[in-house]
């Protein structure tokens, strides 16, 4: 599955990308046949400050075949929990969209 990564105000991370791939495979892998790919955006909304709560953002856009993209966003203190939350939101949104159509 093609996944495009975008980073705002942070360095890219192979470990974070691997975590995204594992979470997507685990939670939405059974829907891959209905999708053409994903775009994942990471951002640190308080990158110039040393401390801040829920300032790590993960946005995931899934592209269902022949349908409009589905976008979800999650915020957390760290990127890994933000990824987990975003993937769970995406799973719910995909299940709802694919069940309707």
PDB file of N, CA and C in Angstrom:
ATOM      1  N   UNK A   1       0.846  -1.170   0.000  1.00  0.00           N
ATOM      2  CA  UNK A   1       0.000   0.000   0.000  1.00  0.00           C
ATOM      3  C   UNK A   1       0.898   1.241   0.000  1.00  0.00           C
ATOM      4  N   UNK A   2       0.598   2.172  -0.858  1.00  0.00           N
ATOM      5  CA  UNK A   2       1.394   3.402  -0.945  1.00  0.00           C
ATOM      6  C   UNK A   2       1.007   4.360   0.182  1.00  0.00           C
ATOM      7  N   UNK A   3       2.029   4.823   0.904  1.00  0.00           N
ATOM      8  CA  UNK A   3       1.828   5.808   1.970  1.00  0.00           C
ATOM      9  C   UNK A   3       2.809   6.949   1.743  1.00  0.00           C
ATOM     10  N   UNK A   4       2.275   8.157   1.628  1.00  0.00           N
ATOM     11  CA  UNK A   4       3.107   9.345   1.491  1.00  0.00           C
ATOM     12  C   UNK A   4       3.164  10.042   2.847  1.00  0.00           C
ATOM     13  N   UNK A   5       4.366  10.413   3.267  1.00  0.00           N
ATOM     14  CA  UNK A   5       4.563  11.065   4.563  1.00  0.00           C
ATOM     15  C   UNK A   5       4.968  12.518   4.363  1.00  0.00           C
ATOM     16  N   UNK A   6       4.416  13.391   5.212  1.00  0.00           N
ATOM     17  CA  UNK A   6       4.742  14.809   5.209  1.00  0.00           C
ATOM     18  C   UNK A   6       5.019  15.239   6.643  1.00  0.00           C
ATOM     19  N   UNK A   7       6.086  15.999   6.821  1.00  0.00           N
ATOM     20  CA  UNK A   7       6.489  16.440   8.160  1.00  0.00           C
ATOM     21  C   UNK A   7       6.529  17.968   8.208  1.00  0.00           C
ATOM     22  N   UNK A   8       5.896  18.548   9.223  1.00  0.00           N
ATOM     23  CA  UNK A   8       5.929  19.993   9.433  1.00  0.00           C
ATOM     24  C   UNK A   8       6.563  20.277  10.790  1.00  0.00           C
ATOM     25  N   UNK A   9       7.636  21.012  10.787  1.00  0.00           N
ATOM     26  CA  UNK A   9       8.328  21.427  12.010  1.00  0.00           C
ATOM     27  C   UNK A   9       8.998  20.287  12.767  1.00  0.00           C
ATOM     28  N   UNK A  10       9.177  19.133  12.138  1.00  0.00           N
ATOM     29  CA  UNK A  10       9.870  18.013  12.791  1.00  0.00           C
ATOM     30  C   UNK A  10      10.705  17.262  11.753  1.00  0.00           C
ATOM     31  N   UNK A  11      11.661  16.497  12.245  1.00  0.00           N
ATOM     32  CA  UNK A  11      12.485  15.650  11.385  1.00  0.00           C
ATOM     33  C   UNK A  11      11.716  14.378  11.041  1.00  0.00           C
ATOM     34  N   UNK A  12      11.944  13.844   9.854  1.00  0.00           N
ATOM     35  CA  UNK A  12      11.316  12.577   9.490  1.00  0.00           C
ATOM     36  C   UNK A  12      11.854  11.467  10.380  1.00  0.00           C
ATOM     37  N   UNK A  13      11.052  10.406  10.531  1.00  0.00           N
ATOM     38  CA  UNK A  13      11.421   9.316  11.431  1.00  0.00           C
ATOM     39  C   UNK A  13      11.016   7.973  10.837  1.00  0.00           C
ATOM     40  N   UNK A  14      12.011   7.128  10.576  1.00  0.00           N
ATOM     41  CA  UNK A  14      11.721   5.783  10.071  1.00  0.00           C
ATOM     42  C   UNK A  14      10.918   4.979  11.091  1.00  0.00           C
ATOM     43  N   UNK A  15      11.235   5.136  12.366  1.00  0.00           N
ATOM     44  CA  UNK A  15      10.521   4.394  13.414  1.00  0.00           C
ATOM     45  C   UNK A  15       9.061   4.814  13.467  1.00  0.00           C
ATOM     46  N   UNK A  16       8.784   6.095  13.322  1.00  0.00           N
ATOM     47  CA  UNK A  16       7.407   6.585  13.338  1.00  0.00           C
ATOM     48  C   UNK A  16       6.657   6.089  12.105  1.00  0.00           C
ATOM     49  N   UNK A  17       7.302   6.098  10.965  1.00  0.00           N
ATOM     50  CA  UNK A  17       6.678   5.588   9.744  1.00  0.00           C
ATOM     51  C   UNK A  17       6.374   4.092   9.874  1.00  0.00           C
ATOM     52  N   UNK A  18       7.283   3.349  10.467  1.00  0.00           N
ATOM     53  CA  UNK A  18       7.050   1.916  10.680  1.00  0.00           C
ATOM     54  C   UNK A  18       5.855   1.705  11.606  1.00  0.00           C
ATOM     55  N   UNK A  19       5.742   2.552  12.618  1.00  0.00           N
ATOM     56  CA  UNK A  19       4.606   2.460  13.546  1.00  0.00           C
ATOM     57  C   UNK A  19       3.292   2.722  12.802  1.00  0.00           C
ATOM     58  N   UNK A  20       3.282   3.726  11.946  1.00  0.00           N
ATOM     59  CA  UNK A  20       2.084   4.026  11.144  1.00  0.00           C
ATOM     60  C   UNK A  20       1.707   2.809  10.310  1.00  0.00           C
ATOM     61  N   UNK A  21       2.673   2.237   9.632  1.00  0.00           N
ATOM     62  CA  UNK A  21       2.415   1.093   8.760  1.00  0.00           C
ATOM     63  C   UNK A  21       1.875  -0.096   9.551  1.00  0.00           C
ATOM     64  N   UNK A  22       2.432  -0.351  10.725  1.00  0.00           N
ATOM     65  CA  UNK A  22       1.940  -1.453  11.559  1.00  0.00           C
ATOM     66  C   UNK A  22       0.509  -1.199  12.024  1.00  0.00           C
ATOM     67  N   UNK A  23       0.232   0.031  12.439  1.00  0.00           N
ATOM     68  CA  UNK A  23      -1.115   0.362  12.909  1.00  0.00           C
ATOM     69  C   UNK A  23      -2.136   0.278  11.778  1.00  0.00           C
ATOM     70  N   UNK A  24      -1.785   0.797  10.611  1.00  0.00           N
ATOM     71  CA  UNK A  24      -2.706   0.715   9.475  1.00  0.00           C
ATOM     72  C   UNK A  24      -2.963  -0.735   9.089  1.00  0.00           C
ATOM     73  N   UNK A  25      -1.903  -1.522   9.002  1.00  0.00           N
ATOM     74  CA  UNK A  25      -2.065  -2.938   8.646  1.00  0.00           C
ATOM     75  C   UNK A  25      -2.954  -3.650   9.659  1.00  0.00           C
ATOM     76  N   UNK A  26      -2.734  -3.390  10.914  1.00  0.00           N
ATOM     77  CA  UNK A  26      -3.475  -4.054  11.976  1.00  0.00           C
ATOM     78  C   UNK A  26      -4.952  -3.656  12.006  1.00  0.00           C
ATOM     79  N   UNK A  27      -5.242  -2.381  11.779  1.00  0.00           N
ATOM     80  CA  UNK A  27      -6.605  -1.890  11.985  1.00  0.00           C
ATOM     81  C   UNK A  27      -7.415  -1.677  10.707  1.00  0.00           C
ATOM     82  N   UNK A  28      -6.760  -1.415   9.585  1.00  0.00           N
ATOM     83  CA  UNK A  28      -7.517  -1.212   8.341  1.00  0.00           C
ATOM     84  C   UNK A  28      -6.993  -2.071   7.192  1.00  0.00           C
ATOM     85  N   UNK A  29      -6.061  -2.959   7.477  1.00  0.00           N
ATOM     86  CA  UNK A  29      -5.476  -3.804   6.442  1.00  0.00           C
ATOM     87  C   UNK A  29      -6.509  -4.610   5.663  1.00  0.00           C
ATOM     88  N   UNK A  30      -7.569  -5.029   6.340  1.00  0.00           N
ATOM     89  CA  UNK A  30      -8.611  -5.804   5.669  1.00  0.00           C
ATOM     90  C   UNK A  30      -9.400  -4.956   4.664  1.00  0.00           C
ATOM     91  N   UNK A  31      -9.212  -3.631   4.687  1.00  0.00           N
ATOM     92  CA  UNK A  31      -9.904  -2.741   3.752  1.00  0.00           C
ATOM     93  C   UNK A  31      -9.001  -2.270   2.621  1.00  0.00           C
ATOM     94  N   UNK A  32      -7.749  -2.705   2.586  1.00  0.00           N
ATOM     95  CA  UNK A  32      -6.801  -2.240   1.582  1.00  0.00           C
ATOM     96  C   UNK A  32      -7.321  -2.413   0.159  1.00  0.00           C
ATOM     97  N   UNK A  33      -8.081  -3.457  -0.097  1.00  0.00           N
ATOM     98  CA  UNK A  33      -8.567  -3.694  -1.464  1.00  0.00           C
ATOM     99  C   UNK A  33      -9.501  -2.580  -1.938  1.00  0.00           C
ATOM    100  N   UNK A  34     -10.042  -1.790  -1.010  1.00  0.00           N
ATOM    101  CA  UNK A  34     -10.935  -0.685  -1.347  1.00  0.00           C
ATOM    102  C   UNK A  34     -10.203   0.652  -1.422  1.00  0.00           C
ATOM    103  N   UNK A  35      -8.880   0.653  -1.164  1.00  0.00           N
ATOM    104  CA  UNK A  35      -8.122   1.897  -1.057  1.00  0.00           C
ATOM    105  C   UNK A  35      -7.001   1.955  -2.085  1.00  0.00           C
ATOM    106  N   UNK A  36      -6.649   3.183  -2.469  1.00  0.00           N
ATOM    107  CA  UNK A  36      -5.517   3.365  -3.387  1.00  0.00           C
ATOM    108  C   UNK A  36      -4.270   3.858  -2.664  1.00  0.00           C
ATOM    109  N   UNK A  37      -4.415   4.389  -1.462  1.00  0.00           N
ATOM    110  CA  UNK A  37      -3.255   4.848  -0.721  1.00  0.00           C
ATOM    111  C   UNK A  37      -3.621   5.749   0.444  1.00  0.00           C
ATOM    112  N   UNK A  38      -2.575   6.224   1.110  1.00  0.00           N
ATOM    113  CA  UNK A  38      -2.723   7.085   2.283  1.00  0.00           C
ATOM    114  C   UNK A  38      -1.746   8.244   2.181  1.00  0.00           C
ATOM    115  N   UNK A  39      -2.107   9.353   2.803  1.00  0.00           N
ATOM    116  CA  UNK A  39      -1.195  10.464   2.999  1.00  0.00           C
ATOM    117  C   UNK A  39      -1.224  10.779   4.485  1.00  0.00           C
ATOM    118  N   UNK A  40      -0.039  10.813   5.097  1.00  0.00           N
ATOM    119  CA  UNK A  40       0.068  11.028   6.539  1.00  0.00           C
ATOM    120  C   UNK A  40       0.863  12.306   6.777  1.00  0.00           C
ATOM    121  N   UNK A  41       0.301  13.190   7.598  1.00  0.00           N
ATOM    122  CA  UNK A  41       0.944  14.455   7.938  1.00  0.00           C
ATOM    123  C   UNK A  41       1.234  14.471   9.434  1.00  0.00           C
ATOM    124  N   UNK A  42       2.460  14.858   9.764  1.00  0.00           N
ATOM    125  CA  UNK A  42       2.851  15.041  11.166  1.00  0.00           C
ATOM    126  C   UNK A  42       3.210  16.501  11.374  1.00  0.00           C
ATOM    127  N   UNK A  43       2.813  17.031  12.509  1.00  0.00           N
ATOM    128  CA  UNK A  43       3.176  18.400  12.827  1.00  0.00           C
ATOM    129  C   UNK A  43       3.327  18.589  14.323  1.00  0.00           C
ATOM    130  N   UNK A  44       4.228  19.482  14.668  1.00  0.00           N
ATOM    131  CA  UNK A  44       4.414  19.866  16.061  1.00  0.00           C
ATOM    132  C   UNK A  44       3.928  21.307  16.152  1.00  0.00           C
ATOM    133  N   UNK A  45       2.741  21.484  16.689  1.00  0.00           N
ATOM    134  CA  UNK A  45       2.101  22.786  16.670  1.00  0.00           C
ATOM    135  C   UNK A  45       2.745  23.788  17.613  1.00  0.00           C
ATOM    136  N   UNK A  46       3.522  23.323  18.573  1.00  0.00           N
ATOM    137  CA  UNK A  46       4.253  24.209  19.479  1.00  0.00           C
ATOM    138  C   UNK A  46       5.748  23.942  19.348  1.00  0.00           C
ATOM    139  N   UNK A  47       6.225  23.820  18.126  1.00  0.00           N
ATOM    140  CA  UNK A  47       7.614  23.398  17.903  1.00  0.00           C
ATOM    141  C   UNK A  47       8.632  24.370  18.492  1.00  0.00           C
ATOM    142  N   UNK A  48       8.268  25.615  18.676  1.00  0.00           N
ATOM    143  CA  UNK A  48       9.218  26.575  19.213  1.00  0.00           C
ATOM    144  C   UNK A  48       9.200  26.615  20.737  1.00  0.00           C
ATOM    145  N   UNK A  49       8.231  25.954  21.346  1.00  0.00           N
ATOM    146  CA  UNK A  49       8.136  25.922  22.799  1.00  0.00           C
ATOM    147  C   UNK A  49       8.662  24.584  23.302  1.00  0.00           C
ATOM    148  N   UNK A  50       9.149  24.563  24.510  1.00  0.00           N
ATOM    149  CA  UNK A  50       9.681  23.324  25.073  1.00  0.00           C
ATOM    150  C   UNK A  50       8.583  22.414  25.595  1.00  0.00           C
ATOM    151  N   UNK A  51       7.496  22.989  26.096  1.00  0.00           N
ATOM    152  CA  UNK A  51       6.432  22.182  26.687  1.00  0.00           C
ATOM    153  C   UNK A  51       5.083  22.607  26.127  1.00  0.00           C
ATOM    154  N   UNK A  52       4.214  21.674  26.022  1.00  0.00           N
ATOM    155  CA  UNK A  52       2.857  21.947  25.572  1.00  0.00           C
ATOM    156  C   UNK A  52       2.080  20.657  25.555  1.00  0.00           C
ATOM    157  N   UNK A  53       0.833  20.742  25.866  1.00  0.00           N
ATOM    158  CA  UNK A  53       0.042  19.516  25.896  1.00  0.00           C
ATOM    159  C   UNK A  53      -0.689  19.343  24.578  1.00  0.00           C
ATOM    160  N   UNK A  54      -0.775  18.128  24.150  1.00  0.00           N
ATOM    161  CA  UNK A  54      -1.499  17.732  22.939  1.00  0.00           C
ATOM    162  C   UNK A  54      -1.111  18.587  21.740  1.00  0.00           C
ATOM    163  N   UNK A  55       0.171  18.838  21.582  1.00  0.00           N
ATOM    164  CA  UNK A  55       0.616  19.669  20.468  1.00  0.00           C
ATOM    165  C   UNK A  55       1.175  18.860  19.297  1.00  0.00           C
ATOM    166  N   UNK A  56       1.200  17.539  19.420  1.00  0.00           N
ATOM    167  CA  UNK A  56       1.656  16.685  18.330  1.00  0.00           C
ATOM    168  C   UNK A  56       0.424  16.272  17.519  1.00  0.00           C
ATOM    169  N   UNK A  57       0.478  16.541  16.210  1.00  0.00           N
ATOM    170  CA  UNK A  57      -0.675  16.294  15.352  1.00  0.00           C
ATOM    171  C   UNK A  57      -0.351  15.222  14.318  1.00  0.00           C
ATOM    172  N   UNK A  58      -1.295  14.320  14.124  1.00  0.00           N
ATOM    173  CA  UNK A  58      -1.221  13.318  13.060  1.00  0.00           C
ATOM    174  C   UNK A  58      -2.514  13.395  12.263  1.00  0.00           C
ATOM    175  N   UNK A  59      -2.382  13.673  10.986  1.00  0.00           N
ATOM    176  CA  UNK A  59      -3.528  13.705  10.081  1.00  0.00           C
ATOM    177  C   UNK A  59      -3.325  12.595   9.061  1.00  0.00           C
ATOM    178  N   UNK A  60      -4.341  11.790   8.864  1.00  0.00           N
ATOM    179  CA  UNK A  60      -4.262  10.703   7.879  1.00  0.00           C
ATOM    180  C   UNK A  60      -5.392  10.874   6.878  1.00  0.00           C
ATOM    181  N   UNK A  61      -5.026  10.846   5.610  1.00  0.00           N
ATOM    182  CA  UNK A  61      -6.008  10.875   4.534  1.00  0.00           C
ATOM    183  C   UNK A  61      -5.966   9.523   3.832  1.00  0.00           C
ATOM    184  N   UNK A  62      -7.109   8.874   3.760  1.00  0.00           N
ATOM    185  CA  UNK A  62      -7.227   7.607   3.034  1.00  0.00           C
ATOM    186  C   UNK A  62      -7.949   7.893   1.730  1.00  0.00           C
ATOM    187  N   UNK A  63      -7.562   7.183   0.696  1.00  0.00           N
ATOM    188  CA  UNK A  63      -8.179   7.391  -0.613  1.00  0.00           C
ATOM    189  C   UNK A  63      -8.907   6.130  -1.074  1.00  0.00           C
ATOM    190  N   UNK A  64     -10.215   6.073  -0.804  1.00  0.00           N
ATOM    191  CA  UNK A  64     -10.999   4.932  -1.298  1.00  0.00           C
ATOM    192  C   UNK A  64     -11.108   4.988  -2.827  1.00  0.00           C
ATOM    193  N   UNK A  65     -11.083   3.845  -3.462  1.00  0.00           N
ATOM    194  CA  UNK A  65     -11.207   3.772  -4.920  1.00  0.00           C
ATOM    195  C   UNK A  65     -12.547   4.361  -5.362  1.00  0.00           C
ATOM    196  N   UNK A  66     -12.479   5.327  -6.282  1.00  0.00           N
ATOM    197  CA  UNK A  66     -13.686   5.895  -6.871  1.00  0.00           C
ATOM    198  C   UNK A  66     -14.516   6.751  -5.931  1.00  0.00           C
ATOM    199  N   UNK A  67     -13.972   7.132  -4.785  1.00  0.00           N
ATOM    200  CA  UNK A  67     -14.710   7.943  -3.814  1.00  0.00           C
ATOM    201  C   UNK A  67     -13.841   9.106  -3.358  1.00  0.00           C
ATOM    202  N   UNK A  68     -14.469  10.058  -2.695  1.00  0.00           N
ATOM    203  CA  UNK A  68     -13.727  11.177  -2.124  1.00  0.00           C
ATOM    204  C   UNK A  68     -12.836  10.688  -0.987  1.00  0.00           C
ATOM    205  N   UNK A  69     -11.695  11.361  -0.781  1.00  0.00           N
ATOM    206  CA  UNK A  69     -10.804  10.988   0.322  1.00  0.00           C
ATOM    207  C   UNK A  69     -11.482  11.173   1.683  1.00  0.00           C
ATOM    208  N   UNK A  70     -11.000  10.430   2.651  1.00  0.00           N
ATOM    209  CA  UNK A  70     -11.461  10.535   4.037  1.00  0.00           C
ATOM    210  C   UNK A  70     -10.267  11.014   4.855  1.00  0.00           C
ATOM    211  N   UNK A  71     -10.465  12.081   5.625  1.00  0.00           N
ATOM    212  CA  UNK A  71      -9.383  12.643   6.425  1.00  0.00           C
ATOM    213  C   UNK A  71      -9.759  12.649   7.897  1.00  0.00           C
ATOM    214  N   UNK A  72      -8.827  12.221   8.729  1.00  0.00           N
ATOM    215  CA  UNK A  72      -9.006  12.254  10.187  1.00  0.00           C
ATOM    216  C   UNK A  72      -7.778  12.921  10.797  1.00  0.00           C
ATOM    217  N   UNK A  73      -7.957  13.453  12.004  1.00  0.00           N
ATOM    218  CA  UNK A  73      -6.856  14.123  12.683  1.00  0.00           C
ATOM    219  C   UNK A  73      -6.909  13.796  14.164  1.00  0.00           C
ATOM    220  N   UNK A  74      -5.724  13.682  14.756  1.00  0.00           N
ATOM    221  CA  UNK A  74      -5.638  13.428  16.195  1.00  0.00           C
ATOM    222  C   UNK A  74      -4.481  14.230  16.769  1.00  0.00           C
ATOM    223  N   UNK A  75      -4.649  14.631  18.023  1.00  0.00           N
ATOM    224  CA  UNK A  75      -3.617  15.368  18.757  1.00  0.00           C
ATOM    225  C   UNK A  75      -3.282  14.609  20.034  1.00  0.00           C
ATOM    226  N   UNK A  76      -2.025  14.670  20.437  1.00  0.00           N
ATOM    227  CA  UNK A  76      -1.594  14.036  21.682  1.00  0.00           C
ATOM    228  C   UNK A  76      -0.290  14.704  22.135  1.00  0.00           C
ATOM    229  N   UNK A  77       0.172  14.286  23.303  1.00  0.00           N
ATOM    230  CA  UNK A  77       1.440  14.803  23.830  1.00  0.00           C
ATOM    231  C   UNK A  77       2.639  14.262  23.052  1.00  0.00           C
ATOM    232  N   UNK A  78       2.480  13.090  22.450  1.00  0.00           N
ATOM    233  CA  UNK A  78       3.539  12.442  21.675  1.00  0.00           C
ATOM    234  C   UNK A  78       2.951  11.945  20.357  1.00  0.00           C
ATOM    235  N   UNK A  79       3.807  11.697  19.363  1.00  0.00           N
ATOM    236  CA  UNK A  79       3.328  11.283  18.050  1.00  0.00           C
ATOM    237  C   UNK A  79       2.722   9.879  18.025  1.00  0.00           C
ATOM    238  N   UNK A  80       3.294   8.949  18.767  1.00  0.00           N
ATOM    239  CA  UNK A  80       2.792   7.570  18.711  1.00  0.00           C
ATOM    240  C   UNK A  80       1.334   7.466  19.161  1.00  0.00           C
ATOM    241  N   UNK A  81       0.951   8.067  20.288  1.00  0.00           N
ATOM    242  CA  UNK A  81      -0.467   8.043  20.663  1.00  0.00           C
ATOM    243  C   UNK A  81      -1.347   8.793  19.658  1.00  0.00           C
ATOM    244  N   UNK A  82      -0.816   9.858  19.044  1.00  0.00           N
ATOM    245  CA  UNK A  82      -1.586  10.581  18.027  1.00  0.00           C
ATOM    246  C   UNK A  82      -1.847   9.682  16.821  1.00  0.00           C
ATOM    247  N   UNK A  83      -0.841   8.908  16.430  1.00  0.00           N
ATOM    248  CA  UNK A  83      -1.014   7.952  15.327  1.00  0.00           C
ATOM    249  C   UNK A  83      -2.085   6.929  15.690  1.00  0.00           C
ATOM    250  N   UNK A  84      -1.986   6.356  16.878  1.00  0.00           N
ATOM    251  CA  UNK A  84      -2.944   5.335  17.303  1.00  0.00           C
ATOM    252  C   UNK A  84      -4.367   5.872  17.263  1.00  0.00           C
ATOM    253  N   UNK A  85      -4.562   7.076  17.786  1.00  0.00           N
ATOM    254  CA  UNK A  85      -5.891   7.686  17.812  1.00  0.00           C
ATOM    255  C   UNK A  85      -6.386   7.963  16.395  1.00  0.00           C
ATOM    256  N   UNK A  86      -5.511   8.491  15.542  1.00  0.00           N
ATOM    257  CA  UNK A  86      -5.900   8.787  14.162  1.00  0.00           C
ATOM    258  C   UNK A  86      -6.283   7.512  13.409  1.00  0.00           C
ATOM    259  N   UNK A  87      -5.535   6.453  13.602  1.00  0.00           N
ATOM    260  CA  UNK A  87      -5.846   5.191  12.914  1.00  0.00           C
ATOM    261  C   UNK A  87      -7.195   4.635  13.387  1.00  0.00           C
ATOM    262  N   UNK A  88      -7.481   4.736  14.678  1.00  0.00           N
ATOM    263  CA  UNK A  88      -8.789   4.273  15.176  1.00  0.00           C
ATOM    264  C   UNK A  88      -9.925   5.109  14.595  1.00  0.00           C
ATOM    265  N   UNK A  89      -9.727   6.418  14.511  1.00  0.00           N
ATOM    266  CA  UNK A  89     -10.736   7.277  13.890  1.00  0.00           C
ATOM    267  C   UNK A  89     -10.914   6.924  12.420  1.00  0.00           C
ATOM    268  N   UNK A  90      -9.798   6.661  11.743  1.00  0.00           N
ATOM    269  CA  UNK A  90      -9.854   6.308  10.332  1.00  0.00           C
ATOM    270  C   UNK A  90     -10.603   4.999  10.128  1.00  0.00           C
ATOM    271  N   UNK A  91     -10.339   4.032  10.967  1.00  0.00           N
ATOM    272  CA  UNK A  91     -11.032   2.743  10.868  1.00  0.00           C
ATOM    273  C   UNK A  91     -12.539   2.934  10.961  1.00  0.00           C
ATOM    274  N   UNK A  92     -12.981   3.722  11.928  1.00  0.00           N
ATOM    275  CA  UNK A  92     -14.413   3.986  12.083  1.00  0.00           C
ATOM    276  C   UNK A  92     -14.983   4.704  10.881  1.00  0.00           C
ATOM    277  N   UNK A  93     -14.272   5.711  10.393  1.00  0.00           N
ATOM    278  CA  UNK A  93     -14.751   6.478   9.248  1.00  0.00           C
ATOM    279  C   UNK A  93     -14.817   5.614   7.988  1.00  0.00           C
ATOM    280  N   UNK A  94     -13.797   4.778   7.770  1.00  0.00           N
ATOM    281  CA  UNK A  94     -13.801   3.896   6.604  1.00  0.00           C
ATOM    282  C   UNK A  94     -14.926   2.863   6.691  1.00  0.00           C
ATOM    283  N   UNK A  95     -15.102   2.280   7.858  1.00  0.00           N
ATOM    284  CA  UNK A  95     -16.164   1.285   8.009  1.00  0.00           C
ATOM    285  C   UNK A  95     -17.522   1.919   7.730  1.00  0.00           C
ATOM    286  N   UNK A  96     -17.736   3.108   8.223  1.00  0.00           N
ATOM    287  CA  UNK A  96     -18.996   3.806   7.994  1.00  0.00           C
ATOM    288  C   UNK A  96     -19.184   4.122   6.520  1.00  0.00           C
ATOM    289  N   UNK A  97     -18.161   4.655   5.890  1.00  0.00           N
ATOM    290  CA  UNK A  97     -18.255   5.039   4.470  1.00  0.00           C
ATOM    291  C   UNK A  97     -18.422   3.820   3.578  1.00  0.00           C
ATOM    292  N   UNK A  98     -17.639   2.792   3.801  1.00  0.00           N
ATOM    293  CA  UNK A  98     -17.687   1.617   2.931  1.00  0.00           C
ATOM    294  C   UNK A  98     -18.966   0.817   3.129  1.00  0.00           C
ATOM    295  N   UNK A  99     -19.507   0.821   4.349  1.00  0.00           N
ATOM    296  CA  UNK A  99     -20.770   0.124   4.602  1.00  0.00           C
ATOM    297  C   UNK A  99     -21.946   0.829   3.943  1.00  0.00           C
ATOM    298  N   UNK A 100     -21.881   2.165   3.836  1.00  0.00           N
ATOM    299  CA  UNK A 100     -22.962   2.938   3.234  1.00  0.00           C
ATOM    300  C   UNK A 100     -23.021   2.729   1.744  1.00  0.00           C
ATOM    301  N   UNK A 101     -21.863   2.621   1.110  1.00  0.00           N
ATOM    302  CA  UNK A 101     -21.815   2.538  -0.356  1.00  0.00           C
ATOM    303  C   UNK A 101     -21.973   1.135  -0.872  1.00  0.00           C
TER     304      UNK A 101
END
